[in-house]
C-alpha atoms as a PDB file:
ATOM      1  CA  MET A   1     -27.493  -1.175  40.362  1.00  0.00           C
ATOM      2  CA  ILE A   2     -29.894  -3.619  38.709  1.00  0.00           C
ATOM      3  CA  ASN A   3     -27.496  -4.294  35.796  1.00  0.00           C
ATOM      4  CA  ARG A   4     -24.648  -4.807  38.339  1.00  0.00           C
ATOM      5  CA  LEU A   5     -26.619  -7.242  40.223  1.00  0.00           C
ATOM      6  CA  ILE A   6     -27.463  -9.331  36.997  1.00  0.00           C
ATOM      7  CA  ILE A   7     -23.680  -9.235  36.112  1.00  0.00           C
ATOM      8  CA  LEU A   8     -22.784 -10.246  39.571  1.00  0.00           C
ATOM      9  CA  MET A   9     -25.156 -13.154  39.636  1.00  0.00           C
ATOM     10  CA  THR A  10     -23.732 -14.366  36.389  1.00  0.00           C
ATOM     11  CA  VAL A  11     -20.159 -14.102  37.603  1.00  0.00           C
ATOM     12  CA  CYS A  12     -20.716 -15.796  40.977  1.00  0.00           C
ATOM     13  CA  LEU A  13     -23.318 -18.299  39.708  1.00  0.00           C
ATOM     14  CA  MET A  14     -25.118 -17.987  42.819  1.00  0.00           C
ATOM     15  CA  SER A  15     -28.778 -17.183  43.830  1.00  0.00           C
ATOM     16  CA  PHE A  16     -29.790 -13.732  44.793  1.00  0.00           C
ATOM     17  CA  SER A  17     -29.747 -12.677  48.326  1.00  0.00           C
ATOM     18  CA  ALA A  18     -30.841  -9.550  50.301  1.00  0.00           C
ATOM     19  CA  VAL A  19     -28.711  -6.628  50.559  1.00  0.00           C
ATOM     20  CA  ALA A  20     -27.076  -6.275  53.889  1.00  0.00           C
ATOM     21  CA  ASN A  21     -25.900  -3.343  56.003  1.00  0.00           C
ATOM     22  CA  ALA A  22     -22.192  -3.089  56.919  1.00  0.00           C
ATOM     23  CA  ASP A  23     -23.141  -2.079  60.429  1.00  0.00           C
ATOM     24  CA  SER A  24     -24.181  -5.731  60.951  1.00  0.00           C
ATOM     25  CA  PRO A  25     -22.428  -7.815  58.219  1.00  0.00           C
ATOM     26  CA  LYS A  26     -23.483 -11.067  59.729  1.00  0.00           C
ATOM     27  CA  ALA A  27     -24.742 -13.819  57.418  1.00  0.00           C
ATOM     28  CA  LYS A  28     -27.733 -15.936  58.485  1.00  0.00           C
ATOM     29  CA  GLU A  29     -26.949 -18.617  60.964  1.00  0.00           C
ATOM     30  CA  GLY A  30     -25.782 -21.805  59.097  1.00  0.00           C
ATOM     31  CA  ASP A  31     -25.111 -19.858  55.941  1.00  0.00           C
ATOM     32  CA  ASN A  32     -21.341 -19.565  55.325  1.00  0.00           C
ATOM     33  CA  LEU A  33     -21.848 -17.270  52.205  1.00  0.00           C
ATOM     34  CA  PRO A  34     -21.508 -13.498  52.627  1.00  0.00           C
ATOM     35  CA  PRO A  35     -24.295 -11.278  51.380  1.00  0.00           C
ATOM     36  CA  LEU A  36     -24.324 -10.644  47.679  1.00  0.00           C
ATOM     37  CA  VAL A  37     -24.218  -6.874  48.161  1.00  0.00           C
ATOM     38  CA  ILE A  38     -23.145  -4.885  51.217  1.00  0.00           C
ATOM     39  CA  GLU A  39     -24.136  -1.142  51.235  1.00  0.00           C
ATOM     40  CA  THR A  40     -22.141   1.062  53.641  1.00  0.00           C
ATOM     41  CA  ASP A  41     -20.947   4.494  54.219  1.00  0.00           C
ATOM     42  CA  ASN A  42     -17.921   3.214  56.044  1.00  0.00           C
ATOM     43  CA  LEU A  43     -15.294   3.277  53.299  1.00  0.00           C
ATOM     44  CA  THR A  44     -12.647   1.288  55.302  1.00  0.00           C
ATOM     45  CA  TYR A  45     -14.773  -1.871  54.464  1.00  0.00           C
ATOM     46  CA  ALA A  46     -13.944  -1.095  50.839  1.00  0.00           C
ATOM     47  CA  GLY A  47     -10.234  -0.319  51.378  1.00  0.00           C
ATOM     48  CA  ALA A  48     -10.640   3.424  51.231  1.00  0.00           C
ATOM     49  CA  PHE A  49     -10.734   6.277  53.779  1.00  0.00           C
ATOM     50  CA  ILE A  50     -12.141   9.682  54.379  1.00  0.00           C
ATOM     51  CA  ASP A  51     -11.349  12.104  57.060  1.00  0.00           C
ATOM     52  CA  TRP A  52     -14.440  14.151  57.782  1.00  0.00           C
ATOM     53  CA  SER A  53     -12.562  16.544  60.138  1.00  0.00           C
ATOM     54  CA  GLY A  54     -10.195  17.545  57.235  1.00  0.00           C
ATOM     55  CA  SER A  55     -12.759  19.167  54.924  1.00  0.00           C
ATOM     56  CA  PRO A  56     -12.423  16.554  52.143  1.00  0.00           C
ATOM     57  CA  GLY A  57     -12.600  17.673  48.604  1.00  0.00           C
ATOM     58  CA  ILE A  58     -11.776  16.628  45.079  1.00  0.00           C
ATOM     59  CA  VAL A  59     -10.794  18.259  41.872  1.00  0.00           C
ATOM     60  CA  ALA A  60     -12.142  17.138  38.425  1.00  0.00           C
ATOM     61  CA  GLN A  61      -9.656  17.014  35.532  1.00  0.00           C
ATOM     62  CA  LYS A  62     -12.526  16.708  33.074  1.00  0.00           C
ATOM     63  CA  SER A  63     -16.192  17.225  33.327  1.00  0.00           C
ATOM     64  CA  VAL A  64     -18.511  14.339  34.757  1.00  0.00           C
ATOM     65  CA  SER A  65     -22.102  13.890  35.243  1.00  0.00           C
ATOM     66  CA  LEU A  66     -23.627  14.340  38.719  1.00  0.00           C
ATOM     67  CA  HIS A  67     -26.290  11.906  39.582  1.00  0.00           C
ATOM     68  CA  LYS A  68     -29.255  12.257  42.043  1.00  0.00           C
ATOM     69  CA  GLU A  69     -28.490   8.980  43.597  1.00  0.00           C
ATOM     70  CA  PRO A  70     -25.302   6.734  43.719  1.00  0.00           C
ATOM     71  CA  ALA A  71     -26.320   4.749  40.467  1.00  0.00           C
ATOM     72  CA  ASP A  72     -25.501   4.861  36.816  1.00  0.00           C
ATOM     73  CA  ASN A  73     -29.170   4.969  35.908  1.00  0.00           C
ATOM     74  CA  SER A  74     -30.063   7.704  38.378  1.00  0.00           C
ATOM     75  CA  PRO A  75     -31.258  11.145  36.911  1.00  0.00           C
ATOM     76  CA  ILE A  76     -28.530  13.607  36.086  1.00  0.00           C
ATOM     77  CA  VAL A  77     -28.858  16.674  38.335  1.00  0.00           C
ATOM     78  CA  GLY A  78     -25.805  18.653  37.155  1.00  0.00           C
ATOM     79  CA  ILE A  79     -22.257  18.501  35.644  1.00  0.00           C
ATOM     80  CA  VAL A  80     -18.937  18.684  37.555  1.00  0.00           C
ATOM     81  CA  PRO A  81     -16.673  20.904  35.582  1.00  0.00           C
ATOM     82  CA  GLY A  82     -12.989  20.207  34.971  1.00  0.00           C
ATOM     83  CA  TYR A  83     -10.304  22.421  36.357  1.00  0.00           C
ATOM     84  CA  THR A  84      -9.080  25.148  34.078  1.00  0.00           C
ATOM     85  CA  SER A  85      -6.178  26.714  35.748  1.00  0.00           C
ATOM     86  CA  SER A  86      -2.601  25.787  35.817  1.00  0.00           C
ATOM     87  CA  THR A  87      -2.776  25.783  39.713  1.00  0.00           C
ATOM     88  CA  ILE A  88      -5.789  24.259  41.593  1.00  0.00           C
ATOM     89  CA  VAL A  89      -7.763  27.050  43.092  1.00  0.00           C
ATOM     90  CA  LYS A  90     -10.327  26.778  46.036  1.00  0.00           C
ATOM     91  CA  GLN A  91     -13.275  27.169  43.653  1.00  0.00           C
ATOM     92  CA  GLU A  92     -12.229  24.148  41.749  1.00  0.00           C
ATOM     93  CA  MET A  93     -11.904  21.866  44.995  1.00  0.00           C
ATOM     94  CA  PHE A  94     -15.460  20.495  45.353  1.00  0.00           C
ATOM     95  CA  PRO A  95     -16.471  19.523  48.829  1.00  0.00           C
ATOM     96  CA  ILE A  96     -17.074  15.792  49.489  1.00  0.00           C
ATOM     97  CA  VAL A  97     -20.289  15.743  51.602  1.00  0.00           C
ATOM     98  CA  GLY A  98     -21.275  11.974  51.386  1.00  0.00           C
ATOM     99  CA  VAL A  99     -19.775   8.599  50.568  1.00  0.00           C
ATOM    100  CA  LYS A 100     -21.331   5.221  49.680  1.00  0.00           C
ATOM    101  CA  ALA A 101     -19.693   1.880  48.922  1.00  0.00           C
ATOM    102  CA  TYR A 102     -21.306  -1.038  47.334  1.00  0.00           C
ATOM    103  CA  ILE A 103     -19.263  -4.164  48.216  1.00  0.00           C
ATOM    104  CA  TYR A 104     -19.634  -7.363  46.352  1.00  0.00           C
ATOM    105  CA  PRO A 105     -17.968  -9.986  48.746  1.00  0.00           C
ATOM    106  CA  ARG A 106     -18.808 -13.016  46.546  1.00  0.00           C
ATOM    107  CA  MET A 107     -16.683 -11.569  43.654  1.00  0.00           C
ATOM    108  CA  GLY A 108     -13.638 -12.110  46.011  1.00  0.00           C
ATOM    109  CA  LYS A 109     -14.012 -15.930  46.758  1.00  0.00           C
ATOM    110  CA  THR A 110     -10.592 -17.056  48.046  1.00  0.00           C
ATOM    111  CA  LYS A 111      -9.575 -20.556  49.272  1.00  0.00           C
ATOM    112  CA  ILE A 112      -7.397 -21.116  52.231  1.00  0.00           C
ATOM    113  CA  ILE A 113      -4.759 -23.736  51.329  1.00  0.00           C
ATOM    114  CA  ALA A 114      -2.424 -23.579  54.334  1.00  0.00           C
ATOM    115  CA  SER A 115      -2.783 -25.729  57.561  1.00  0.00           C
ATOM    116  CA  PRO A 116      -4.881 -24.201  60.202  1.00  0.00           C
ATOM    117  CA  GLU A 117      -1.900 -23.179  62.257  1.00  0.00           C
ATOM    118  CA  LYS A 118      -0.005 -21.655  59.367  1.00  0.00           C
ATOM    119  CA  ALA A 119      -3.069 -19.824  58.035  1.00  0.00           C
ATOM    120  CA  LYS A 120      -3.796 -18.262  61.442  1.00  0.00           C
ATOM    121  CA  GLN A 121      -0.267 -17.180  61.960  1.00  0.00           C
ATOM    122  CA  SER A 122       0.180 -15.808  58.405  1.00  0.00           C
ATOM    123  CA  ALA A 123      -3.138 -14.289  57.908  1.00  0.00           C
ATOM    124  CA  ALA A 124      -3.750 -12.919  61.321  1.00  0.00           C
ATOM    125  CA  LEU A 125      -6.811 -14.984  61.715  1.00  0.00           C
ATOM    126  CA  THR A 126      -6.060 -16.024  65.388  1.00  0.00           C
ATOM    127  CA  ASN A 127      -9.077 -14.219  66.704  1.00  0.00           C
ATOM    128  CA  THR A 128     -11.607 -15.703  64.471  1.00  0.00           C
ATOM    129  CA  ALA A 129     -13.337 -19.050  64.319  1.00  0.00           C
ATOM    130  CA  ASP A 130     -11.342 -22.199  63.490  1.00  0.00           C
ATOM    131  CA  VAL A 131      -9.720 -21.920  60.173  1.00  0.00           C
ATOM    132  CA  ASN A 132      -9.349 -25.005  58.040  1.00  0.00           C
ATOM    133  CA  ILE A 133      -7.835 -26.088  54.753  1.00  0.00           C
ATOM    134  CA  GLY A 134     -10.590 -25.329  52.222  1.00  0.00           C
ATOM    135  CA  ASP A 135     -12.325 -22.631  53.969  1.00  0.00           C
ATOM    136  CA  ASP A 136     -13.352 -19.647  51.990  1.00  0.00           C
ATOM    137  CA  ILE A 137     -12.514 -16.126  52.718  1.00  0.00           C
ATOM    138  CA  TYR A 138     -13.757 -13.344  50.574  1.00  0.00           C
ATOM    139  CA  VAL A 139     -11.335 -10.545  49.367  1.00  0.00           C
ATOM    140  CA  ILE A 140     -12.758  -7.044  49.220  1.00  0.00           C
ATOM    141  CA  TYR A 141      -9.589  -5.109  48.668  1.00  0.00           C
ATOM    142  CA  SER A 142      -6.078  -6.454  48.227  1.00  0.00           C
ATOM    143  CA  GLU A 143      -2.979  -4.345  47.298  1.00  0.00           C
ATOM    144  CA  LYS A 144      -0.140  -5.496  44.933  1.00  0.00           C
ATOM    145  CA  SER A 145       2.347  -4.140  47.442  1.00  0.00           C
ATOM    146  CA  GLY A 146       1.876  -7.128  49.542  1.00  0.00           C
ATOM    147  CA  LEU A 147       0.949  -5.075  52.583  1.00  0.00           C
ATOM    148  CA  LYS A 148      -2.653  -5.435  53.619  1.00  0.00           C
ATOM    149  CA  SER A 149      -6.123  -6.889  52.378  1.00  0.00           C
ATOM    150  CA  VAL A 150      -9.581  -6.388  53.595  1.00  0.00           C
ATOM    151  CA  VAL A 151     -11.451  -9.691  53.644  1.00  0.00           C
ATOM    152  CA  TRP A 152     -14.806 -10.902  54.743  1.00  0.00           C
ATOM    153  CA  TYR A 153     -14.718 -13.971  56.815  1.00  0.00           C
ATOM    154  CA  LYS A 154     -17.535 -15.841  58.745  1.00  0.00           C
ATOM    155  CA  GLY A 155     -19.478 -12.676  59.273  1.00  0.00           C
ATOM    156  CA  ASN A 156     -16.765 -10.217  59.961  1.00  0.00           C
ATOM    157  CA  PHE A 157     -14.398  -7.731  57.966  1.00  0.00           C
ATOM    158  CA  ILE A 158     -10.785  -8.345  58.920  1.00  0.00           C
ATOM    159  CA  VAL A 159      -7.420  -7.356  57.731  1.00  0.00           C
ATOM    160  CA  VAL A 160      -4.850  -9.844  56.582  1.00  0.00           C
ATOM    161  CA  PRO A 161      -1.500  -9.610  54.527  1.00  0.00           C
ATOM    162  CA  SER A 162      -1.880  -9.369  50.788  1.00  0.00           C
ATOM    163  CA  SER A 163       1.455 -11.099  50.368  1.00  0.00           C
ATOM    164  CA  GLY A 164       0.533 -14.751  50.556  1.00  0.00           C
ATOM    165  CA  ILE A 165      -2.730 -14.399  48.753  1.00  0.00           C
ATOM    166  CA  LYS A 166      -2.307 -15.540  45.208  1.00  0.00           C
ATOM    167  CA  ILE A 167      -4.280 -13.287  42.853  1.00  0.00           C
ATOM    168  CA  PRO A 168      -4.114 -13.268  39.127  1.00  0.00           C
ATOM    169  CA  TYR A 169      -2.470 -10.150  37.622  1.00  0.00           C
ATOM    170  CA  ILE A 170      -1.572  -8.668  40.897  1.00  0.00           C
ATOM    171  CA  ASN A 171      -0.154 -11.495  42.766  1.00  0.00           C
ATOM    172  CA  SER A 172       2.795 -10.340  44.821  1.00  0.00           C
ATOM    173  CA  ASN A 173       5.838 -12.459  45.529  1.00  0.00           C
ATOM    174  CA  PRO A 174       4.928 -14.708  48.562  1.00  0.00           C
ATOM    175  CA  GLU A 175       8.649 -14.682  49.429  1.00  0.00           C
ATOM    176  CA  GLN A 176       8.092 -11.136  50.359  1.00  0.00           C
ATOM    177  CA  ASN A 177       5.472 -12.073  52.917  1.00  0.00           C
ATOM    178  CA  TYR A 178       7.086 -10.786  56.044  1.00  0.00           C
ATOM    179  CA  TYR A 179       4.994 -13.229  58.089  1.00  0.00           C
ATOM    180  CA  GLN A 180       6.010 -16.480  56.731  1.00  0.00           C
ATOM    181  CA  GLY A 181       7.004 -16.298  53.196  1.00  0.00           C
ATOM    182  CA  TYR A 182       4.516 -18.689  51.673  1.00  0.00           C
ATOM    183  CA  THR A 183       1.123 -18.562  49.919  1.00  0.00           C
ATOM    184  CA  TYR A 184      -1.608 -19.227  52.405  1.00  0.00           C
ATOM    185  CA  ALA A 185      -4.609 -18.683  50.146  1.00  0.00           C
ATOM    186  CA  VAL A 186      -5.575 -18.859  46.456  1.00  0.00           C
ATOM    187  CA  TYR A 187      -7.915 -16.200  44.932  1.00  0.00           C
ATOM    188  CA  GLU A 188     -10.782 -17.890  42.826  1.00  0.00           C
ATOM    189  CA  GLY A 189     -13.009 -14.774  42.232  1.00  0.00           C
ATOM    190  CA  TYR A 190     -13.375 -12.158  39.575  1.00  0.00           C
ATOM    191  CA  SER A 191     -10.252 -10.630  38.178  1.00  0.00           C
ATOM    192  CA  THR A 192      -9.026  -8.859  34.937  1.00  0.00           C
ATOM    193  CA  ASN A 193      -5.782  -7.962  33.189  1.00  0.00           C
ATOM    194  CA  ASN A 194      -6.725  -4.371  33.974  1.00  0.00           C
ATOM    195  CA  ASP A 195      -5.929  -5.221  37.650  1.00  0.00           C
ATOM    196  CA  ILE A 196      -2.266  -4.608  36.955  1.00  0.00           C
ATOM    197  CA  VAL A 197      -0.740  -1.184  36.078  1.00  0.00           C
ATOM    198  CA  ASN A 198       2.767  -1.351  34.502  1.00  0.00           C
ATOM    199  CA  GLU A 199       3.481   2.353  35.180  1.00  0.00           C
ATOM    200  CA  PRO A 200       1.265   3.774  37.761  1.00  0.00           C
ATOM    201  CA  VAL A 201      -0.372   6.990  36.765  1.00  0.00           C
ATOM    202  CA  ARG A 202       0.354   9.888  39.146  1.00  0.00           C
ATOM    203  CA  TYR A 203      -2.219  12.713  39.423  1.00  0.00           C
ATOM    204  CA  GLY A 204      -0.771  15.838  40.720  1.00  0.00           C
ATOM    205  CA  GLY A 205      -1.321  19.644  41.125  1.00  0.00           C
ATOM    206  CA  TYR A 206      -0.716  22.654  43.193  1.00  0.00           C
ATOM    207  CA  TYR A 207      -3.527  24.018  45.622  1.00  0.00           C
ATOM    208  CA  ASP A 208      -3.469  27.894  45.841  1.00  0.00           C
ATOM    209  CA  ASP A 209      -2.133  27.756  49.342  1.00  0.00           C
ATOM    210  CA  GLY A 210       1.072  26.422  47.638  1.00  0.00           C
ATOM    211  CA  LYS A 211       0.649  22.856  48.804  1.00  0.00           C
ATOM    212  CA  ARG A 212       1.494  20.097  46.341  1.00  0.00           C
ATOM    213  CA  TYR A 213      -0.945  17.216  45.823  1.00  0.00           C
ATOM    214  CA  LEU A 214       0.456  14.086  44.323  1.00  0.00           C
ATOM    215  CA  ILE A 215      -1.764  10.965  44.082  1.00  0.00           C
ATOM    216  CA  THR A 216      -0.711   7.556  42.953  1.00  0.00           C
ATOM    217  CA  PRO A 217      -3.819   5.316  42.674  1.00  0.00           C
ATOM    218  CA  PRO A 218      -3.257   1.898  44.234  1.00  0.00           C
ATOM    219  CA  VAL A 219      -2.678  -1.166  42.041  1.00  0.00           C
ATOM    220  CA  CYS A 220      -5.232  -3.451  43.665  1.00  0.00           C
ATOM    221  CA  ARG A 221      -8.243  -5.607  43.239  1.00  0.00           C
ATOM    222  CA  ARG A 222     -11.202  -3.926  44.889  1.00  0.00           C
ATOM    223  CA  ASN A 223     -14.503  -5.782  44.649  1.00  0.00           C
ATOM    224  CA  ALA A 224     -16.553  -2.608  45.576  1.00  0.00           C
ATOM    225  CA  ASP A 225     -17.945   0.511  43.808  1.00  0.00           C
ATOM    226  CA  ILE A 226     -17.364   3.730  45.607  1.00  0.00           C
ATOM    227  CA  TRP A 227     -19.349   6.797  45.049  1.00  0.00           C
ATOM    228  CA  LEU A 228     -18.739  10.318  46.274  1.00  0.00           C
ATOM    229  CA  GLN A 229     -21.461  12.870  46.994  1.00  0.00           C
ATOM    230  CA  LEU A 230     -20.179  16.299  45.842  1.00  0.00           C
ATOM    231  CA  GLU A 231     -21.554  19.885  46.668  1.00  0.00           C
ATOM    232  CA  MET A 232     -21.447  22.378  43.719  1.00  0.00           C
ATOM    233  CA  PRO A 233     -20.959  26.156  44.252  1.00  0.00           C
ATOM    234  CA  ASP A 234     -24.671  26.682  43.818  1.00  0.00           C
ATOM    235  CA  LYS A 235     -25.319  24.096  46.732  1.00  0.00           C
ATOM    236  CA  VAL A 236     -26.637  21.432  44.339  1.00  0.00           C
ATOM    237  CA  THR A 237     -25.350  17.939  45.563  1.00  0.00           C
ATOM    238  CA  GLY A 238     -25.066  14.716  43.512  1.00  0.00           C
ATOM    239  CA  TRP A 239     -23.155  11.542  43.230  1.00  0.00           C
ATOM    240  CA  VAL A 240     -20.130  10.649  41.123  1.00  0.00           C
ATOM    241  CA  GLN A 241     -18.502   7.165  40.897  1.00  0.00           C
ATOM    242  CA  ILE A 242     -14.803   7.093  41.718  1.00  0.00           C
ATOM    243  CA  THR A 243     -14.073   3.172  41.659  1.00  0.00           C
ATOM    244  CA  ASP A 244     -15.568   0.430  39.707  1.00  0.00           C
ATOM    245  CA  ALA A 245     -15.404  -3.208  40.890  1.00  0.00           C
ATOM    246  CA  TYR A 246     -15.492  -4.781  37.279  1.00  0.00           C
ATOM    247  CA  ALA A 247     -13.093  -2.280  35.574  1.00  0.00           C
ATOM    248  CA  GLY A 248      -9.837  -3.351  37.244  1.00  0.00           C
ATOM    249  CA  ALA A 249      -7.101  -0.921  38.540  1.00  0.00           C
ATOM    250  CA  ASN A 250      -5.915   0.155  35.150  1.00  0.00           C
ATOM    251  CA  ALA A 251      -9.269   1.147  33.977  1.00  0.00           C
ATOM    252  CA  GLN A 252     -10.926   3.066  36.886  1.00  0.00           C
ATOM    253  CA  PRO A 253     -12.947   6.195  36.401  1.00  0.00           C
ATOM    254  CA  ASP A 254     -10.514   9.029  35.411  1.00  0.00           C
ATOM    255  CA  TRP A 255     -12.508  12.093  35.659  1.00  0.00           C
ATOM    256  CA  TRP A 256     -10.738  13.295  38.830  1.00  0.00           C
ATOM    257  CA  LYS A 257      -7.294  14.940  39.246  1.00  0.00           C
ATOM    258  CA  CYS A 258      -6.446  14.954  42.961  1.00  0.00           C
ATOM    259  CA  TYR A 259      -8.150  15.089  46.244  1.00  0.00           C
ATOM    260  CA  THR A 260      -7.576  15.907  49.955  1.00  0.00           C
ATOM    261  CA  GLY A 261      -8.967  14.569  53.064  1.00  0.00           C
ATOM    262  CA  PHE A 262      -9.727  11.300  51.152  1.00  0.00           C
ATOM    263  CA  SER A 263      -7.827   8.215  50.250  1.00  0.00           C
ATOM    264  CA  LEU A 264      -8.304   5.261  47.934  1.00  0.00           C
ATOM    265  CA  ASP A 265      -6.059   3.243  50.147  1.00  0.00           C
ATOM    266  CA  CYS A 266      -7.079   3.166  53.705  1.00  0.00           C
ATOM    267  CA  PHE A 267      -3.773   1.689  54.883  1.00  0.00           C
ATOM    268  CA  THR A 268      -1.603   4.604  53.755  1.00  0.00           C
ATOM    269  CA  GLY A 269      -4.391   7.200  54.364  1.00  0.00           C
ATOM    270  CA  PHE A 270      -4.724   9.631  57.245  1.00  0.00           C
ATOM    271  CA  SER A 271      -5.148   7.282  60.250  1.00  0.00           C
ATOM    272  CA  PRO A 272      -2.431   4.829  61.433  1.00  0.00           C
ATOM    273  CA  ASP A 273      -5.145   3.032  63.375  1.00  0.00           C
ATOM    274  CA  THR A 274      -7.511   2.583  60.350  1.00  0.00           C
ATOM    275  CA  HIS A 275      -7.389  -1.119  60.565  1.00  0.00           C
ATOM    276  CA  LYS A 276      -8.877  -1.042  64.020  1.00  0.00           C
ATOM    277  CA  LEU A 277     -12.271   0.164  62.525  1.00  0.00           C
ATOM    278  CA  LEU A 278     -12.357  -3.270  60.684  1.00  0.00           C
ATOM    279  CA  THR A 279     -12.453  -5.391  63.855  1.00  0.00           C
ATOM    280  CA  ASN A 280     -14.838  -3.356  65.967  1.00  0.00           C
END
């Protein structure tokens, strides 16, 4: 985490601020900047989703280290083995027992360029404070598909259309914006050419109940690290990283094969009302 904070400070060219909890993501009064880091176990804020009622689990396609805490420099407490059979068996589906997201809002600085009326109508900002040309929103998660983005705006996490936010490498055609058909915001934050995937990789396999699992990781910009806490057969638990804010969509951790009860895309996940969690 220390190394990531140093990198983030360099990228953002901003002074350090305290870590905030996502249960109360308000900035200090008079401070329009979001916290430098937001730590939360609510994955929807990072554009992901987990269904705790669905016995979430994951299969590793190659071995990966299990850390005591959700940090690269945390002690290693075990190794998650890769699956060995042609079909995925229950013994190779490791239970997900905890989640953690480290969100870096300032990486996603984005400038509103539309008029207040158009920005509100296009970006679904009608229930927020006044929107003006030149205002900053902070993209946490944005899909190439042009459907939805999670952004931080004046102390709140909200959902807006991805189409209409111009982002290098993953910018979707604003003409596909089913709200208005124009660009209403320009992304000025961190991006990399690894944010685009020409041919999305599909991970698939068969569970031993005959069910087919086919996963296509989303092409997106995600300014958040997501960690999963897994439980091994000997009841040892530890943490593995599944998304990396700095790597880009085409260079994410690839140790996993498929999962169930979990999604890296909260808008096509398990709950059609996921977006409501972001406005509570």
